[in-house]
């Protein structure tokens, strides 16, 4: 299952909180782009997970993964770097 670092959780919570229409249980949805040979992921704020999404809750952050993203990220760690007002997410291998 995808692990989420504290840095990533804080970044996700800040991003979701910055969306005025997002409810408290909203989260970051990660979906794989269909038809891409090299794995590319789309990230968006979602009020609720899609019906078939896998839900990961860690350090107070909610992440919703579509089936393909869940499979790809199963043995990964989501980390984040925050520089000023910019957030960059990084996918790392679990130890």
N, C-alpha and C. Protein backbone atom coordinates (compact mmCIF):
# COMPACT_ATOMS: atom_id res chain seq x y z
N UNK A 1 0.84 -1.18 0.00
CA UNK A 1 0.00 0.00 0.00
C UNK A 1 0.89 1.25 0.00
N UNK A 2 0.45 2.27 -0.69
CA UNK A 2 1.17 3.54 -0.73
C UNK A 2 1.36 4.08 0.68
N UNK A 3 2.58 4.51 0.98
CA UNK A 3 2.88 5.19 2.25
C UNK A 3 2.98 6.68 1.96
N UNK A 4 2.62 7.48 2.93
CA UNK A 4 2.63 8.93 2.79
C UNK A 4 3.51 9.52 3.89
N UNK A 5 4.51 10.31 3.51
CA UNK A 5 5.37 10.93 4.52
C UNK A 5 4.61 12.06 5.21
N UNK A 6 5.13 12.47 6.36
CA UNK A 6 4.52 13.60 7.06
C UNK A 6 4.56 14.86 6.21
N UNK A 7 5.67 15.08 5.47
CA UNK A 7 5.76 16.25 4.59
C UNK A 7 4.66 16.22 3.54
N UNK A 8 4.45 15.06 2.92
CA UNK A 8 3.41 14.94 1.90
C UNK A 8 2.03 15.15 2.51
N UNK A 9 1.79 14.59 3.69
CA UNK A 9 0.50 14.75 4.35
C UNK A 9 0.21 16.21 4.65
N UNK A 10 1.20 16.93 5.15
CA UNK A 10 1.02 18.36 5.43
C UNK A 10 0.73 19.13 4.14
N UNK A 11 1.45 18.80 3.07
CA UNK A 11 1.23 19.48 1.79
C UNK A 11 -0.17 19.18 1.26
N UNK A 12 -0.60 17.93 1.34
CA UNK A 12 -1.93 17.56 0.87
C UNK A 12 -3.00 18.30 1.67
N UNK A 13 -2.86 18.33 2.98
CA UNK A 13 -3.84 19.02 3.82
C UNK A 13 -3.89 20.51 3.48
N UNK A 14 -2.74 21.12 3.22
CA UNK A 14 -2.70 22.55 2.87
C UNK A 14 -3.36 22.79 1.51
N UNK A 15 -3.10 21.91 0.55
CA UNK A 15 -3.70 22.06 -0.78
C UNK A 15 -5.21 21.92 -0.70
N UNK A 16 -5.68 20.91 0.01
CA UNK A 16 -7.13 20.70 0.14
C UNK A 16 -7.77 21.88 0.88
N UNK A 17 -7.13 22.35 1.94
CA UNK A 17 -7.67 23.47 2.71
C UNK A 17 -7.73 24.75 1.89
N UNK A 18 -6.88 24.88 0.88
CA UNK A 18 -6.86 26.10 0.06
C UNK A 18 -8.02 26.15 -0.93
N UNK A 19 -8.73 25.04 -1.10
CA UNK A 19 -9.87 25.00 -1.99
C UNK A 19 -11.13 25.29 -1.18
N UNK A 20 -11.74 26.46 -1.40
CA UNK A 20 -12.87 26.87 -0.55
C UNK A 20 -14.08 25.94 -0.62
N UNK A 21 -14.28 25.25 -1.74
CA UNK A 21 -15.45 24.39 -1.87
C UNK A 21 -15.19 22.95 -1.43
N UNK A 22 -13.97 22.63 -1.04
CA UNK A 22 -13.64 21.25 -0.65
C UNK A 22 -14.11 20.98 0.79
N UNK A 23 -14.87 19.90 0.98
CA UNK A 23 -15.28 19.54 2.34
C UNK A 23 -14.09 19.00 3.15
N UNK A 24 -14.26 18.89 4.43
CA UNK A 24 -13.18 18.44 5.31
C UNK A 24 -12.65 17.06 4.95
N UNK A 25 -13.50 16.18 4.46
CA UNK A 25 -13.07 14.83 4.11
C UNK A 25 -12.50 14.73 2.69
N UNK A 26 -12.34 15.85 2.01
CA UNK A 26 -11.76 15.87 0.67
C UNK A 26 -10.31 15.40 0.73
N UNK A 27 -9.80 15.05 -0.43
CA UNK A 27 -8.43 14.58 -0.48
C UNK A 27 -7.80 14.82 -1.83
N UNK A 28 -6.62 14.28 -1.98
CA UNK A 28 -5.88 14.36 -3.24
C UNK A 28 -6.16 13.07 -4.01
N UNK A 29 -6.67 13.21 -5.24
CA UNK A 29 -6.93 12.02 -6.06
C UNK A 29 -5.80 11.86 -7.06
N UNK A 30 -5.27 10.65 -7.14
CA UNK A 30 -4.21 10.33 -8.08
C UNK A 30 -4.75 9.31 -9.06
N UNK A 31 -4.64 9.65 -10.35
CA UNK A 31 -5.14 8.77 -11.40
C UNK A 31 -4.06 8.60 -12.46
N UNK A 32 -3.93 7.39 -12.97
CA UNK A 32 -2.97 7.12 -14.04
C UNK A 32 -3.57 7.59 -15.36
N UNK A 33 -2.72 8.18 -16.20
CA UNK A 33 -3.18 8.59 -17.53
C UNK A 33 -3.31 7.35 -18.41
N UNK A 34 -4.47 7.15 -19.00
CA UNK A 34 -4.67 5.96 -19.83
C UNK A 34 -3.84 6.03 -21.11
N UNK A 35 -3.34 4.87 -21.53
CA UNK A 35 -2.64 4.77 -22.79
C UNK A 35 -1.20 5.25 -22.78
N UNK A 36 -0.68 5.66 -21.65
CA UNK A 36 0.70 6.15 -21.58
C UNK A 36 1.64 4.98 -21.38
N UNK A 37 2.67 4.86 -22.23
CA UNK A 37 3.67 3.80 -22.04
C UNK A 37 4.47 4.05 -20.77
N UNK A 38 4.95 5.27 -20.61
CA UNK A 38 5.65 5.66 -19.39
C UNK A 38 4.59 6.11 -18.41
N UNK A 39 4.64 5.62 -17.17
CA UNK A 39 3.59 5.91 -16.19
C UNK A 39 3.56 7.40 -15.86
N UNK A 40 2.42 8.02 -16.12
CA UNK A 40 2.20 9.42 -15.77
C UNK A 40 0.95 9.48 -14.90
N UNK A 41 1.02 10.33 -13.88
CA UNK A 41 -0.07 10.41 -12.92
C UNK A 41 -0.64 11.82 -12.90
N UNK A 42 -1.95 11.91 -12.81
CA UNK A 42 -2.64 13.19 -12.66
C UNK A 42 -3.07 13.32 -11.21
N UNK A 43 -2.90 14.53 -10.66
CA UNK A 43 -3.31 14.81 -9.29
C UNK A 43 -4.36 15.90 -9.31
N UNK A 44 -5.41 15.72 -8.50
CA UNK A 44 -6.45 16.72 -8.41
C UNK A 44 -7.10 16.65 -7.03
N UNK A 45 -7.72 17.72 -6.62
CA UNK A 45 -8.48 17.72 -5.37
C UNK A 45 -9.83 17.07 -5.67
N UNK A 46 -10.24 16.16 -4.80
CA UNK A 46 -11.54 15.48 -4.96
C UNK A 46 -12.30 15.56 -3.64
N UNK A 47 -13.58 15.89 -3.73
CA UNK A 47 -14.41 15.97 -2.53
C UNK A 47 -14.59 14.61 -1.90
N UNK A 48 -14.73 13.59 -2.72
CA UNK A 48 -14.91 12.21 -2.27
C UNK A 48 -14.19 11.29 -3.25
N UNK A 49 -13.84 10.08 -2.82
CA UNK A 49 -13.22 9.15 -3.76
C UNK A 49 -14.24 8.67 -4.80
N UNK A 50 -13.73 8.31 -5.97
CA UNK A 50 -14.59 7.67 -6.97
C UNK A 50 -14.98 6.29 -6.45
N UNK A 51 -16.00 5.71 -7.03
CA UNK A 51 -16.56 4.45 -6.53
C UNK A 51 -15.52 3.35 -6.36
N UNK A 52 -14.60 3.21 -7.31
CA UNK A 52 -13.61 2.13 -7.26
C UNK A 52 -12.25 2.56 -6.73
N UNK A 53 -12.14 3.76 -6.20
CA UNK A 53 -10.85 4.24 -5.70
C UNK A 53 -10.43 3.51 -4.44
N UNK A 54 -9.12 3.32 -4.30
CA UNK A 54 -8.53 2.85 -3.04
C UNK A 54 -8.27 4.10 -2.21
N UNK A 55 -8.61 4.08 -0.94
CA UNK A 55 -8.44 5.23 -0.07
C UNK A 55 -7.29 4.97 0.89
N UNK A 56 -6.34 5.91 0.94
CA UNK A 56 -5.22 5.83 1.86
C UNK A 56 -5.33 7.04 2.78
N UNK A 57 -5.35 6.79 4.08
CA UNK A 57 -5.39 7.87 5.08
C UNK A 57 -4.17 7.71 5.97
N UNK A 58 -3.33 8.73 5.98
CA UNK A 58 -2.12 8.67 6.79
C UNK A 58 -1.76 10.07 7.23
N UNK A 59 -1.40 10.23 8.49
CA UNK A 59 -1.01 11.52 9.07
C UNK A 59 -2.09 12.58 8.84
N UNK A 60 -3.36 12.15 8.80
CA UNK A 60 -4.47 13.09 8.65
C UNK A 60 -4.79 13.48 7.21
N UNK A 61 -4.05 12.96 6.25
CA UNK A 61 -4.30 13.29 4.84
C UNK A 61 -5.08 12.15 4.18
N UNK A 62 -5.92 12.52 3.22
CA UNK A 62 -6.69 11.54 2.46
C UNK A 62 -6.16 11.52 1.02
N UNK A 63 -5.84 10.34 0.53
CA UNK A 63 -5.41 10.16 -0.86
C UNK A 63 -6.31 9.10 -1.48
N UNK A 64 -6.86 9.42 -2.66
CA UNK A 64 -7.73 8.52 -3.38
C UNK A 64 -6.99 8.07 -4.64
N UNK A 65 -6.88 6.76 -4.84
CA UNK A 65 -6.12 6.21 -5.95
C UNK A 65 -7.03 5.42 -6.88
N UNK A 66 -6.99 5.74 -8.20
CA UNK A 66 -7.73 4.89 -9.13
C UNK A 66 -7.01 3.54 -9.19
N UNK A 67 -7.65 2.54 -9.77
CA UNK A 67 -7.11 1.17 -9.73
C UNK A 67 -5.71 1.06 -10.32
N UNK A 68 -5.47 1.72 -11.45
CA UNK A 68 -4.16 1.63 -12.09
C UNK A 68 -3.09 2.34 -11.25
N UNK A 69 -3.41 3.50 -10.71
CA UNK A 69 -2.47 4.22 -9.85
C UNK A 69 -2.20 3.44 -8.58
N UNK A 70 -3.23 2.82 -8.01
CA UNK A 70 -3.06 2.02 -6.79
C UNK A 70 -2.12 0.86 -7.03
N UNK A 71 -2.25 0.21 -8.17
CA UNK A 71 -1.38 -0.91 -8.51
C UNK A 71 0.07 -0.44 -8.66
N UNK A 72 0.26 0.66 -9.38
CA UNK A 72 1.60 1.20 -9.62
C UNK A 72 2.26 1.69 -8.33
N UNK A 73 1.47 2.32 -7.45
CA UNK A 73 2.02 2.94 -6.24
C UNK A 73 2.00 2.02 -5.03
N UNK A 74 1.61 0.77 -5.20
CA UNK A 74 1.44 -0.16 -4.09
C UNK A 74 2.68 -0.29 -3.21
N UNK A 75 3.87 -0.25 -3.77
CA UNK A 75 5.10 -0.41 -2.99
C UNK A 75 5.92 0.88 -2.96
N UNK A 76 5.23 2.03 -3.05
CA UNK A 76 5.92 3.31 -3.13
C UNK A 76 5.60 4.19 -1.91
N UNK A 77 6.36 5.28 -1.81
CA UNK A 77 6.17 6.30 -0.78
C UNK A 77 5.94 7.63 -1.48
N UNK A 78 4.92 8.37 -1.06
CA UNK A 78 4.65 9.70 -1.59
C UNK A 78 5.28 10.71 -0.65
N UNK A 79 6.19 11.52 -1.18
CA UNK A 79 6.86 12.56 -0.40
C UNK A 79 6.59 13.89 -1.08
N UNK A 80 6.88 14.98 -0.39
CA UNK A 80 6.66 16.31 -0.95
C UNK A 80 7.78 17.25 -0.53
N UNK A 81 8.06 18.17 -1.42
CA UNK A 81 8.98 19.27 -1.13
C UNK A 81 8.20 20.55 -1.28
N UNK A 82 8.29 21.41 -0.29
CA UNK A 82 7.60 22.68 -0.33
C UNK A 82 8.64 23.78 -0.39
N UNK A 83 8.55 24.60 -1.43
CA UNK A 83 9.46 25.74 -1.59
C UNK A 83 8.59 26.97 -1.80
N UNK A 84 8.47 27.78 -0.76
CA UNK A 84 7.60 28.95 -0.84
C UNK A 84 6.16 28.49 -1.00
N UNK A 85 5.51 28.94 -2.08
CA UNK A 85 4.12 28.57 -2.35
C UNK A 85 4.02 27.38 -3.31
N UNK A 86 5.15 26.77 -3.67
CA UNK A 86 5.16 25.67 -4.63
C UNK A 86 5.36 24.34 -3.91
N UNK A 87 4.60 23.34 -4.35
CA UNK A 87 4.71 21.99 -3.80
C UNK A 87 5.09 21.05 -4.93
N UNK A 88 6.08 20.23 -4.70
CA UNK A 88 6.45 19.19 -5.65
C UNK A 88 6.34 17.84 -4.98
N UNK A 89 5.59 16.94 -5.60
CA UNK A 89 5.45 15.59 -5.05
C UNK A 89 6.46 14.67 -5.73
N UNK A 90 6.93 13.70 -4.96
CA UNK A 90 7.91 12.76 -5.45
C UNK A 90 7.50 11.36 -5.01
N UNK A 91 7.62 10.41 -5.92
CA UNK A 91 7.32 9.02 -5.63
C UNK A 91 8.64 8.28 -5.43
N UNK A 92 8.79 7.68 -4.25
CA UNK A 92 10.01 6.98 -3.89
C UNK A 92 9.73 5.50 -3.67
N UNK A 93 10.77 4.70 -3.74
CA UNK A 93 10.65 3.27 -3.44
C UNK A 93 10.59 3.08 -1.92
N UNK A 94 9.76 2.14 -1.45
CA UNK A 94 9.75 1.80 -0.03
C UNK A 94 10.97 0.97 0.29
N UNK A 95 11.49 1.13 1.49
CA UNK A 95 12.65 0.33 1.90
C UNK A 95 12.24 -1.06 2.26
